[in-house]
PDB file of all heavy atoms in Angstrom:
ATOM      1  N   PHE A   1     -49.262  12.367  72.296  1.00  0.00           N
ATOM      2  CA  PHE A   1     -49.609  12.193  73.702  1.00  0.00           C
ATOM      3  C   PHE A   1     -48.421  11.657  74.456  1.00  0.00           C
ATOM      4  O   PHE A   1     -48.132  12.112  75.572  1.00  0.00           O
ATOM      5  CB  PHE A   1     -50.823  11.274  73.867  1.00  0.00           C
ATOM      6  CG  PHE A   1     -52.135  11.969  73.848  1.00  0.00           C
ATOM      7  CD1 PHE A   1     -52.929  11.929  72.706  1.00  0.00           C
ATOM      8  CD2 PHE A   1     -52.573  12.670  74.925  1.00  0.00           C
ATOM      9  CE1 PHE A   1     -54.142  12.554  72.636  1.00  0.00           C
ATOM     10  CE2 PHE A   1     -53.792  13.324  74.881  1.00  0.00           C
ATOM     11  CZ  PHE A   1     -54.575  13.300  73.744  1.00  0.00           C
ATOM     12  N   ALA A   2     -47.718  10.673  73.873  1.00  0.00           N
ATOM     13  CA  ALA A   2     -46.600  10.108  74.546  1.00  0.00           C
ATOM     14  C   ALA A   2     -45.471  11.123  74.780  1.00  0.00           C
ATOM     15  O   ALA A   2     -44.826  11.161  75.831  1.00  0.00           O
ATOM     16  CB  ALA A   2     -45.961   8.933  73.716  1.00  0.00           C
ATOM     17  N   GLY A   3     -45.272  12.034  73.793  1.00  0.00           N
ATOM     18  CA  GLY A   3     -44.302  13.082  73.969  1.00  0.00           C
ATOM     19  C   GLY A   3     -44.591  14.035  75.094  1.00  0.00           C
ATOM     20  O   GLY A   3     -43.795  14.432  75.882  1.00  0.00           O
ATOM     21  N   ALA A   4     -45.906  14.424  75.163  1.00  0.00           N
ATOM     22  CA  ALA A   4     -46.368  15.300  76.245  1.00  0.00           C
ATOM     23  C   ALA A   4     -46.150  14.656  77.586  1.00  0.00           C
ATOM     24  O   ALA A   4     -45.765  15.297  78.567  1.00  0.00           O
ATOM     25  CB  ALA A   4     -47.812  15.721  76.013  1.00  0.00           C
ATOM     26  N   LEU A   5     -46.477  13.378  77.648  1.00  0.00           N
ATOM     27  CA  LEU A   5     -46.360  12.662  78.953  1.00  0.00           C
ATOM     28  C   LEU A   5     -44.864  12.454  79.315  1.00  0.00           C
ATOM     29  O   LEU A   5     -44.535  12.488  80.539  1.00  0.00           O
ATOM     30  CB  LEU A   5     -47.027  11.237  78.841  1.00  0.00           C
ATOM     31  CG  LEU A   5     -48.546  11.273  79.004  1.00  0.00           C
ATOM     32  CD1 LEU A   5     -49.150   9.973  78.515  1.00  0.00           C
ATOM     33  CD2 LEU A   5     -48.911  11.493  80.411  1.00  0.00           C
ATOM     34  N   LEU A   6     -44.024  12.294  78.370  1.00  0.00           N
ATOM     35  CA  LEU A   6     -42.571  12.182  78.644  1.00  0.00           C
ATOM     36  C   LEU A   6     -42.055  13.436  79.320  1.00  0.00           C
ATOM     37  O   LEU A   6     -41.284  13.382  80.252  1.00  0.00           O
ATOM     38  CB  LEU A   6     -41.804  11.852  77.379  1.00  0.00           C
ATOM     39  CG  LEU A   6     -40.282  11.559  77.541  1.00  0.00           C
ATOM     40  CD1 LEU A   6     -40.084  10.377  78.475  1.00  0.00           C
ATOM     41  CD2 LEU A   6     -39.618  11.349  76.210  1.00  0.00           C
ATOM     42  N   GLY A   7     -42.513  14.575  78.760  1.00  0.00           N
ATOM     43  CA  GLY A   7     -42.091  15.870  79.396  1.00  0.00           C
ATOM     44  C   GLY A   7     -42.658  15.987  80.816  1.00  0.00           C
ATOM     45  O   GLY A   7     -41.983  16.457  81.709  1.00  0.00           O
ATOM     46  N   PHE A   8     -43.899  15.479  80.999  1.00  0.00           N
ATOM     47  CA  PHE A   8     -44.516  15.563  82.318  1.00  0.00           C
ATOM     48  C   PHE A   8     -43.751  14.679  83.318  1.00  0.00           C
ATOM     49  O   PHE A   8     -43.570  15.039  84.477  1.00  0.00           O
ATOM     50  CB  PHE A   8     -45.989  15.100  82.206  1.00  0.00           C
ATOM     51  CG  PHE A   8     -46.610  14.856  83.526  1.00  0.00           C
ATOM     52  CD1 PHE A   8     -47.020  15.863  84.367  1.00  0.00           C
ATOM     53  CD2 PHE A   8     -46.848  13.548  84.011  1.00  0.00           C
ATOM     54  CE1 PHE A   8     -47.611  15.701  85.572  1.00  0.00           C
ATOM     55  CE2 PHE A   8     -47.463  13.299  85.193  1.00  0.00           C
ATOM     56  CZ  PHE A   8     -47.848  14.360  86.035  1.00  0.00           C
ATOM     57  N   LEU A   9     -43.269  13.487  82.879  1.00  0.00           N
ATOM     58  CA  LEU A   9     -42.592  12.560  83.770  1.00  0.00           C
ATOM     59  C   LEU A   9     -41.322  13.152  84.357  1.00  0.00           C
ATOM     60  O   LEU A   9     -40.912  12.808  85.453  1.00  0.00           O
ATOM     61  CB  LEU A   9     -42.276  11.278  83.033  1.00  0.00           C
ATOM     62  CG  LEU A   9     -43.494  10.327  82.783  1.00  0.00           C
ATOM     63  CD1 LEU A   9     -43.125   9.148  81.905  1.00  0.00           C
ATOM     64  CD2 LEU A   9     -44.034   9.801  84.153  1.00  0.00           C
ATOM     65  N   PHE A  10     -40.667  14.055  83.632  1.00  0.00           N
ATOM     66  CA  PHE A  10     -39.473  14.708  84.153  1.00  0.00           C
ATOM     67  C   PHE A  10     -39.767  15.519  85.408  1.00  0.00           C
ATOM     68  O   PHE A  10     -38.891  15.787  86.234  1.00  0.00           O
ATOM     69  CB  PHE A  10     -38.837  15.585  83.080  1.00  0.00           C
ATOM     70  CG  PHE A  10     -38.001  14.854  82.073  1.00  0.00           C
ATOM     71  CD1 PHE A  10     -38.484  14.699  80.827  1.00  0.00           C
ATOM     72  CD2 PHE A  10     -36.777  14.282  82.403  1.00  0.00           C
ATOM     73  CE1 PHE A  10     -37.717  13.958  79.869  1.00  0.00           C
ATOM     74  CE2 PHE A  10     -36.038  13.587  81.518  1.00  0.00           C
ATOM     75  CZ  PHE A  10     -36.503  13.459  80.221  1.00  0.00           C
ATOM     76  N   TYR A  11     -41.032  15.953  85.565  1.00  0.00           N
ATOM     77  CA  TYR A  11     -41.452  16.761  86.695  1.00  0.00           C
ATOM     78  C   TYR A  11     -42.248  15.983  87.744  1.00  0.00           C
ATOM     79  O   TYR A  11     -42.622  16.542  88.721  1.00  0.00           O
ATOM     80  CB  TYR A  11     -42.308  17.948  86.168  1.00  0.00           C
ATOM     81  CG  TYR A  11     -41.501  18.990  85.463  1.00  0.00           C
ATOM     82  CD1 TYR A  11     -41.299  18.820  84.102  1.00  0.00           C
ATOM     83  CD2 TYR A  11     -40.988  20.106  86.084  1.00  0.00           C
ATOM     84  CE1 TYR A  11     -40.560  19.818  83.352  1.00  0.00           C
ATOM     85  CE2 TYR A  11     -40.265  21.082  85.391  1.00  0.00           C
ATOM     86  CZ  TYR A  11     -40.068  20.902  84.056  1.00  0.00           C
ATOM     87  OH  TYR A  11     -39.339  21.869  83.346  1.00  0.00           O
ATOM     88  N   SER A  12     -42.494  14.655  87.495  1.00  0.00           N
ATOM     89  CA  SER A  12     -43.293  13.924  88.403  1.00  0.00           C
ATOM     90  C   SER A  12     -42.638  12.641  88.925  1.00  0.00           C
ATOM     91  O   SER A  12     -43.212  11.950  89.802  1.00  0.00           O
ATOM     92  CB  SER A  12     -44.630  13.513  87.703  1.00  0.00           C
ATOM     93  OG  SER A  12     -44.397  12.622  86.643  1.00  0.00           O
ATOM     94  N   PHE A  13     -41.487  12.293  88.428  1.00  0.00           N
ATOM     95  CA  PHE A  13     -40.846  11.052  88.904  1.00  0.00           C
ATOM     96  C   PHE A  13     -39.287  11.273  88.931  1.00  0.00           C
ATOM     97  O   PHE A  13     -38.730  11.853  88.007  1.00  0.00           O
ATOM     98  CB  PHE A  13     -41.167   9.894  87.965  1.00  0.00           C
ATOM     99  CG  PHE A  13     -40.613   8.548  88.409  1.00  0.00           C
ATOM    100  CD1 PHE A  13     -41.266   7.851  89.394  1.00  0.00           C
ATOM    101  CD2 PHE A  13     -39.452   8.074  87.858  1.00  0.00           C
ATOM    102  CE1 PHE A  13     -40.767   6.623  89.858  1.00  0.00           C
ATOM    103  CE2 PHE A  13     -38.925   6.849  88.271  1.00  0.00           C
ATOM    104  CZ  PHE A  13     -39.601   6.131  89.275  1.00  0.00           C
ATOM    105  N   PRO A  14     -38.647  10.824  89.996  1.00  0.00           N
ATOM    106  CA  PRO A  14     -39.180  10.100  91.180  1.00  0.00           C
ATOM    107  C   PRO A  14     -39.846  11.006  92.216  1.00  0.00           C
ATOM    108  O   PRO A  14     -40.714  10.594  92.973  1.00  0.00           O
ATOM    109  CB  PRO A  14     -37.958   9.428  91.767  1.00  0.00           C
ATOM    110  CG  PRO A  14     -36.797  10.289  91.381  1.00  0.00           C
ATOM    111  CD  PRO A  14     -37.157  10.861  90.016  1.00  0.00           C
ATOM    112  N   LYS A  15     -39.412  12.288  92.288  1.00  0.00           N
ATOM    113  CA  LYS A  15     -40.081  13.227  93.214  1.00  0.00           C
ATOM    114  C   LYS A  15     -40.948  14.193  92.412  1.00  0.00           C
ATOM    115  O   LYS A  15     -40.460  14.793  91.400  1.00  0.00           O
ATOM    116  CB  LYS A  15     -39.024  14.017  94.012  1.00  0.00           C
ATOM    117  CG  LYS A  15     -39.645  15.038  95.002  1.00  0.00           C
ATOM    118  CD  LYS A  15     -38.556  15.686  95.828  1.00  0.00           C
ATOM    119  CE  LYS A  15     -39.170  16.773  96.745  1.00  0.00           C
ATOM    120  NZ  LYS A  15     -40.207  16.254  97.649  1.00  0.00           N
ATOM    121  N   ALA A  16     -42.177  14.320  92.800  1.00  0.00           N
ATOM    122  CA  ALA A  16     -43.120  15.085  92.040  1.00  0.00           C
ATOM    123  C   ALA A  16     -43.033  16.576  92.403  1.00  0.00           C
ATOM    124  O   ALA A  16     -43.157  16.973  93.544  1.00  0.00           O
ATOM    125  CB  ALA A  16     -44.516  14.556  92.271  1.00  0.00           C
ATOM    126  N   ARG A  17     -42.842  17.385  91.344  1.00  0.00           N
ATOM    127  CA  ARG A  17     -42.953  18.865  91.511  1.00  0.00           C
ATOM    128  C   ARG A  17     -44.330  19.311  91.089  1.00  0.00           C
ATOM    129  O   ARG A  17     -44.699  20.446  91.353  1.00  0.00           O
ATOM    130  CB  ARG A  17     -41.895  19.540  90.674  1.00  0.00           C
ATOM    131  CG  ARG A  17     -40.496  19.427  91.308  1.00  0.00           C
ATOM    132  CD  ARG A  17     -39.416  20.024  90.387  1.00  0.00           C
ATOM    133  NE  ARG A  17     -39.004  19.036  89.405  1.00  0.00           N
ATOM    134  CZ  ARG A  17     -38.116  19.284  88.406  1.00  0.00           C
ATOM    135  NH1 ARG A  17     -37.675  20.518  88.290  1.00  0.00           N
ATOM    136  NH2 ARG A  17     -37.780  18.326  87.577  1.00  0.00           N
ATOM    137  N   ILE A  18     -45.087  18.429  90.470  1.00  0.00           N
ATOM    138  CA  ILE A  18     -46.466  18.740  90.089  1.00  0.00           C
ATOM    139  C   ILE A  18     -47.192  17.399  89.880  1.00  0.00           C
ATOM    140  O   ILE A  18     -46.599  16.431  89.463  1.00  0.00           O
ATOM    141  CB  ILE A  18     -46.553  19.575  88.777  1.00  0.00           C
ATOM    142  CG1 ILE A  18     -47.959  20.075  88.502  1.00  0.00           C
ATOM    143  CG2 ILE A  18     -45.968  18.851  87.604  1.00  0.00           C
ATOM    144  CD1 ILE A  18     -48.076  21.058  87.395  1.00  0.00           C
ATOM    145  N   PHE A  19     -48.470  17.374  90.163  1.00  0.00           N
ATOM    146  CA  PHE A  19     -49.297  16.231  89.990  1.00  0.00           C
ATOM    147  C   PHE A  19     -50.134  16.358  88.692  1.00  0.00           C
ATOM    148  O   PHE A  19     -50.446  17.448  88.253  1.00  0.00           O
ATOM    149  CB  PHE A  19     -50.256  15.969  91.171  1.00  0.00           C
ATOM    150  CG  PHE A  19     -49.578  15.485  92.421  1.00  0.00           C
ATOM    151  CD1 PHE A  19     -50.160  15.704  93.625  1.00  0.00           C
ATOM    152  CD2 PHE A  19     -48.363  14.792  92.334  1.00  0.00           C
ATOM    153  CE1 PHE A  19     -49.541  15.276  94.791  1.00  0.00           C
ATOM    154  CE2 PHE A  19     -47.743  14.349  93.517  1.00  0.00           C
ATOM    155  CZ  PHE A  19     -48.322  14.589  94.751  1.00  0.00           C
ATOM    156  N   MET A  20     -50.470  15.221  88.108  1.00  0.00           N
ATOM    157  CA  MET A  20     -51.274  15.198  86.917  1.00  0.00           C
ATOM    158  C   MET A  20     -52.675  15.773  87.176  1.00  0.00           C
ATOM    159  O   MET A  20     -53.223  16.519  86.389  1.00  0.00           O
ATOM    160  CB  MET A  20     -51.432  13.745  86.414  1.00  0.00           C
ATOM    161  CG  MET A  20     -52.200  13.621  85.139  1.00  0.00           C
ATOM    162  SD  MET A  20     -52.404  11.894  84.647  1.00  0.00           S
ATOM    163  CE  MET A  20     -50.743  11.406  84.243  1.00  0.00           C
ATOM    164  N   GLY A  21     -53.198  15.483  88.377  1.00  0.00           N
ATOM    165  CA  GLY A  21     -54.515  16.014  88.742  1.00  0.00           C
ATOM    166  C   GLY A  21     -55.623  15.320  87.943  1.00  0.00           C
ATOM    167  O   GLY A  21     -55.372  14.604  86.999  1.00  0.00           O
ATOM    168  N   ASP A  22     -56.881  15.657  88.262  1.00  0.00           N
ATOM    169  CA  ASP A  22     -57.971  15.110  87.483  1.00  0.00           C
ATOM    170  C   ASP A  22     -58.021  15.663  86.075  1.00  0.00           C
ATOM    171  O   ASP A  22     -58.520  15.017  85.133  1.00  0.00           O
ATOM    172  CB  ASP A  22     -59.316  15.422  88.213  1.00  0.00           C
ATOM    173  CG  ASP A  22     -59.552  14.518  89.371  1.00  0.00           C
ATOM    174  OD1 ASP A  22     -58.851  13.500  89.489  1.00  0.00           O
ATOM    175  OD2 ASP A  22     -60.500  14.770  90.179  1.00  0.00           O
ATOM    176  N   SER A  23     -57.525  16.868  85.908  1.00  0.00           N
ATOM    177  CA  SER A  23     -57.477  17.464  84.560  1.00  0.00           C
ATOM    178  C   SER A  23     -56.613  16.648  83.659  1.00  0.00           C
ATOM    179  O   SER A  23     -56.829  16.466  82.435  1.00  0.00           O
ATOM    180  CB  SER A  23     -56.916  18.911  84.612  1.00  0.00           C
ATOM    181  OG  SER A  23     -55.612  18.924  85.209  1.00  0.00           O
ATOM    182  N   GLY A  24     -55.578  15.974  84.218  1.00  0.00           N
ATOM    183  CA  GLY A  24     -54.678  15.139  83.427  1.00  0.00           C
ATOM    184  C   GLY A  24     -55.159  13.696  83.328  1.00  0.00           C
ATOM    185  O   GLY A  24     -55.173  13.128  82.233  1.00  0.00           O
ATOM    186  N   SER A  25     -55.646  13.124  84.428  1.00  0.00           N
ATOM    187  CA  SER A  25     -56.063  11.739  84.406  1.00  0.00           C
ATOM    188  C   SER A  25     -57.311  11.524  83.570  1.00  0.00           C
ATOM    189  O   SER A  25     -57.393  10.504  82.831  1.00  0.00           O
ATOM    190  CB  SER A  25     -56.301  11.197  85.845  1.00  0.00           C
ATOM    191  OG  SER A  25     -57.269  11.944  86.464  1.00  0.00           O
ATOM    192  N   LEU A  26     -58.231  12.474  83.617  1.00  0.00           N
ATOM    193  CA  LEU A  26     -59.444  12.379  82.806  1.00  0.00           C
ATOM    194  C   LEU A  26     -59.088  12.534  81.309  1.00  0.00           C
ATOM    195  O   LEU A  26     -59.581  11.814  80.467  1.00  0.00           O
ATOM    196  CB  LEU A  26     -60.449  13.440  83.169  1.00  0.00           C
ATOM    197  CG  LEU A  26     -61.061  13.275  84.595  1.00  0.00           C
ATOM    198  CD1 LEU A  26     -62.053  14.442  84.876  1.00  0.00           C
ATOM    199  CD2 LEU A  26     -61.761  11.964  84.753  1.00  0.00           C
ATOM    200  N   LEU A  27     -58.228  13.496  80.979  1.00  0.00           N
ATOM    201  CA  LEU A  27     -57.771  13.709  79.619  1.00  0.00           C
ATOM    202  C   LEU A  27     -57.056  12.448  79.057  1.00  0.00           C
ATOM    203  O   LEU A  27     -57.403  11.971  77.982  1.00  0.00           O
ATOM    204  CB  LEU A  27     -56.845  14.885  79.545  1.00  0.00           C
ATOM    205  CG  LEU A  27     -55.942  15.026  78.279  1.00  0.00           C
ATOM    206  CD1 LEU A  27     -56.803  15.333  77.069  1.00  0.00           C
ATOM    207  CD2 LEU A  27     -54.839  16.030  78.477  1.00  0.00           C
ATOM    208  N   ILE A  28     -56.143  11.905  79.819  1.00  0.00           N
ATOM    209  CA  ILE A  28     -55.367  10.761  79.368  1.00  0.00           C
ATOM    210  C   ILE A  28     -56.217   9.485  79.274  1.00  0.00           C
ATOM    211  O   ILE A  28     -56.162   8.771  78.297  1.00  0.00           O
ATOM    212  CB  ILE A  28     -54.186  10.506  80.290  1.00  0.00           C
ATOM    213  CG1 ILE A  28     -53.221  11.739  80.261  1.00  0.00           C
ATOM    214  CG2 ILE A  28     -53.450   9.205  79.925  1.00  0.00           C
ATOM    215  CD1 ILE A  28     -52.670  12.013  78.846  1.00  0.00           C
ATOM    216  N   GLY A  29     -57.033   9.255  80.292  1.00  0.00           N
ATOM    217  CA  GLY A  29     -57.921   8.074  80.264  1.00  0.00           C
ATOM    218  C   GLY A  29     -58.871   8.058  79.112  1.00  0.00           C
ATOM    219  O   GLY A  29     -59.021   7.118  78.383  1.00  0.00           O
ATOM    220  N   PHE A  30     -59.550   9.211  78.916  1.00  0.00           N
ATOM    221  CA  PHE A  30     -60.480   9.354  77.799  1.00  0.00           C
ATOM    222  C   PHE A  30     -59.772   9.140  76.456  1.00  0.00           C
ATOM    223  O   PHE A  30     -60.308   8.502  75.576  1.00  0.00           O
ATOM    224  CB  PHE A  30     -61.207  10.695  77.871  1.00  0.00           C
ATOM    225  CG  PHE A  30     -62.191  10.919  76.746  1.00  0.00           C
ATOM    226  CD1 PHE A  30     -63.456  10.447  76.848  1.00  0.00           C
ATOM    227  CD2 PHE A  30     -61.794  11.625  75.609  1.00  0.00           C
ATOM    228  CE1 PHE A  30     -64.346  10.667  75.799  1.00  0.00           C
ATOM    229  CE2 PHE A  30     -62.680  11.846  74.559  1.00  0.00           C
ATOM    230  CZ  PHE A  30     -63.954  11.370  74.676  1.00  0.00           C
ATOM    231  N   SER A  31     -58.646   9.778  76.302  1.00  0.00           N
ATOM    232  CA  SER A  31     -57.892   9.702  75.033  1.00  0.00           C
ATOM    233  C   SER A  31     -57.444   8.281  74.728  1.00  0.00           C
ATOM    234  O   SER A  31     -57.476   7.801  73.606  1.00  0.00           O
ATOM    235  CB  SER A  31     -56.699  10.668  75.082  1.00  0.00           C
ATOM    236  OG  SER A  31     -57.169  12.016  75.264  1.00  0.00           O
ATOM    237  N   LEU A  32     -56.946   7.610  75.748  1.00  0.00           N
ATOM    238  CA  LEU A  32     -56.523   6.184  75.555  1.00  0.00           C
ATOM    239  C   LEU A  32     -57.708   5.343  75.081  1.00  0.00           C
ATOM    240  O   LEU A  32     -57.554   4.558  74.123  1.00  0.00           O
ATOM    241  CB  LEU A  32     -55.965   5.608  76.830  1.00  0.00           C
ATOM    242  CG  LEU A  32     -54.544   6.000  77.226  1.00  0.00           C
ATOM    243  CD1 LEU A  32     -54.199   5.583  78.669  1.00  0.00           C
ATOM    244  CD2 LEU A  32     -53.527   5.358  76.272  1.00  0.00           C
ATOM    245  N   ALA A  33     -58.867   5.485  75.760  1.00  0.00           N
ATOM    246  CA  ALA A  33     -60.031   4.718  75.344  1.00  0.00           C
ATOM    247  C   ALA A  33     -60.503   5.088  73.924  1.00  0.00           C
ATOM    248  O   ALA A  33     -60.820   4.206  73.121  1.00  0.00           O
ATOM    249  CB  ALA A  33     -61.138   4.943  76.363  1.00  0.00           C
ATOM    250  N   SER A  34     -60.580   6.385  73.617  1.00  0.00           N
ATOM    251  CA  SER A  34     -61.091   6.843  72.377  1.00  0.00           C
ATOM    252  C   SER A  34     -60.175   6.416  71.201  1.00  0.00           C
ATOM    253  O   SER A  34     -60.653   5.919  70.187  1.00  0.00           O
ATOM    254  CB  SER A  34     -61.209   8.372  72.397  1.00  0.00           C
ATOM    255  OG  SER A  34     -62.093   8.783  73.382  1.00  0.00           O
ATOM    256  N   LEU A  35     -58.875   6.558  71.358  1.00  0.00           N
ATOM    257  CA  LEU A  35     -57.966   6.227  70.286  1.00  0.00           C
ATOM    258  C   LEU A  35     -57.899   4.696  70.109  1.00  0.00           C
ATOM    259  O   LEU A  35     -57.705   4.188  69.017  1.00  0.00           O
ATOM    260  CB  LEU A  35     -56.560   6.797  70.597  1.00  0.00           C
ATOM    261  CG  LEU A  35     -56.459   8.327  70.499  1.00  0.00           C
ATOM    262  CD1 LEU A  35     -55.120   8.780  71.062  1.00  0.00           C
ATOM    263  CD2 LEU A  35     -56.602   8.773  69.084  1.00  0.00           C
ATOM    264  N   SER A  36     -58.080   3.932  71.178  1.00  0.00           N
ATOM    265  CA  SER A  36     -58.105   2.502  71.087  1.00  0.00           C
ATOM    266  C   SER A  36     -59.329   2.050  70.243  1.00  0.00           C
ATOM    267  O   SER A  36     -59.230   1.157  69.425  1.00  0.00           O
ATOM    268  CB  SER A  36     -58.229   1.876  72.502  1.00  0.00           C
ATOM    269  OG  SER A  36     -57.018   2.115  73.231  1.00  0.00           O
ATOM    270  N   ILE A  37     -60.474   2.711  70.423  1.00  0.00           N
ATOM    271  CA  ILE A  37     -61.647   2.381  69.690  1.00  0.00           C
ATOM    272  C   ILE A  37     -61.419   2.704  68.220  1.00  0.00           C
ATOM    273  O   ILE A  37     -61.746   1.918  67.308  1.00  0.00           O
ATOM    274  CB  ILE A  37     -62.882   3.148  70.201  1.00  0.00           C
ATOM    275  CG1 ILE A  37     -63.242   2.609  71.592  1.00  0.00           C
ATOM    276  CG2 ILE A  37     -64.100   2.965  69.301  1.00  0.00           C
ATOM    277  CD1 ILE A  37     -64.307   3.436  72.328  1.00  0.00           C
ATOM    278  N   LEU A  38     -60.889   3.864  67.934  1.00  0.00           N
ATOM    279  CA  LEU A  38     -60.623   4.259  66.523  1.00  0.00           C
ATOM    280  C   LEU A  38     -59.634   3.343  65.843  1.00  0.00           C
ATOM    281  O   LEU A  38     -59.792   3.003  64.638  1.00  0.00           O
ATOM    282  CB  LEU A  38     -60.098   5.670  66.474  1.00  0.00           C
ATOM    283  CG  LEU A  38     -61.066   6.840  66.798  1.00  0.00           C
ATOM    284  CD1 LEU A  38     -60.353   8.161  66.834  1.00  0.00           C
ATOM    285  CD2 LEU A  38     -62.165   6.879  65.783  1.00  0.00           C
ATOM    286  N   LEU A  39     -58.675   2.816  66.566  1.00  0.00           N
ATOM    287  CA  LEU A  39     -57.695   1.912  66.041  1.00  0.00           C
ATOM    288  C   LEU A  39     -58.236   0.522  65.768  1.00  0.00           C
ATOM    289  O   LEU A  39     -57.690  -0.174  64.896  1.00  0.00           O
ATOM    290  CB  LEU A  39     -56.442   1.818  66.970  1.00  0.00           C
ATOM    291  CG  LEU A  39     -55.472   3.002  66.897  1.00  0.00           C
ATOM    292  CD1 LEU A  39     -54.498   2.916  68.107  1.00  0.00           C
ATOM    293  CD2 LEU A  39     -54.713   2.964  65.595  1.00  0.00           C
ATOM    294  N   THR A  40     -59.220   0.108  66.486  1.00  0.00           N
ATOM    295  CA  THR A  40     -59.627  -1.319  66.436  1.00  0.00           C
ATOM    296  C   THR A  40     -61.001  -1.566  65.828  1.00  0.00           C
ATOM    297  O   THR A  40     -61.325  -2.745  65.539  1.00  0.00           O
ATOM    298  CB  THR A  40     -59.655  -1.918  67.852  1.00  0.00           C
ATOM    299  OG1 THR A  40     -60.600  -1.247  68.672  1.00  0.00           O
ATOM    300  CG2 THR A  40     -58.275  -1.880  68.491  1.00  0.00           C
ATOM    301  N   GLN A  41     -61.816  -0.505  65.611  1.00  0.00           N
ATOM    302  CA  GLN A  41     -63.216  -0.742  65.186  1.00  0.00           C
ATOM    303  C   GLN A  41     -63.486  -0.320  63.780  1.00  0.00           C
ATOM    304  O   GLN A  41     -64.601  -0.440  63.296  1.00  0.00           O
ATOM    305  CB  GLN A  41     -64.165  -0.018  66.098  1.00  0.00           C
ATOM    306  CG  GLN A  41     -64.158  -0.541  67.564  1.00  0.00           C
ATOM    307  CD  GLN A  41     -64.584  -2.011  67.596  1.00  0.00           C
ATOM    308  OE1 GLN A  41     -65.544  -2.393  67.014  1.00  0.00           O
ATOM    309  NE2 GLN A  41     -63.802  -2.808  68.381  1.00  0.00           N
ATOM    310  N   GLY A  42     -62.514   0.222  63.045  1.00  0.00           N
ATOM    311  CA  GLY A  42     -62.799   0.649  61.707  1.00  0.00           C
ATOM    312  C   GLY A  42     -63.715   1.863  61.662  1.00  0.00           C
ATOM    313  O   GLY A  42     -64.351   2.153  60.656  1.00  0.00           O
ATOM    314  N   ASN A  43     -63.822   2.626  62.803  1.00  0.00           N
ATOM    315  CA  ASN A  43     -64.649   3.817  62.826  1.00  0.00           C
ATOM    316  C   ASN A  43     -63.954   5.025  62.109  1.00  0.00           C
ATOM    317  O   ASN A  43     -64.609   5.963  61.701  1.00  0.00           O
ATOM    318  CB  ASN A  43     -64.934   4.243  64.246  1.00  0.00           C
ATOM    319  CG  ASN A  43     -65.795   3.244  64.964  1.00  0.00           C
ATOM    320  OD1 ASN A  43     -66.950   3.077  64.661  1.00  0.00           O
ATOM    321  ND2 ASN A  43     -65.192   2.496  65.932  1.00  0.00           N
ATOM    322  N   ASN A  44     -62.650   4.939  62.038  1.00  0.00           N
ATOM    323  CA  ASN A  44     -61.921   6.068  61.506  1.00  0.00           C
ATOM    324  C   ASN A  44     -62.110   6.228  59.994  1.00  0.00           C
ATOM    325  O   ASN A  44     -62.088   5.240  59.224  1.00  0.00           O
ATOM    326  CB  ASN A  44     -60.392   5.866  61.786  1.00  0.00           C
ATOM    327  CG  ASN A  44     -59.572   7.077  61.377  1.00  0.00           C
ATOM    328  OD1 ASN A  44     -60.097   8.138  61.211  1.00  0.00           O
ATOM    329  ND2 ASN A  44     -58.316   6.818  61.149  1.00  0.00           N
TER     330      ASN A  44
END
């Protein structure tokens, strides 16, 4: 995920040629929460 976001940052900062949009923010937010749970709860 970090690698994909690093590629995205080249197109979004400092001047944005594309926005993350809800398709990106929902994907990233859900993935951060889900992976955090798997890492900390012994569910994996």
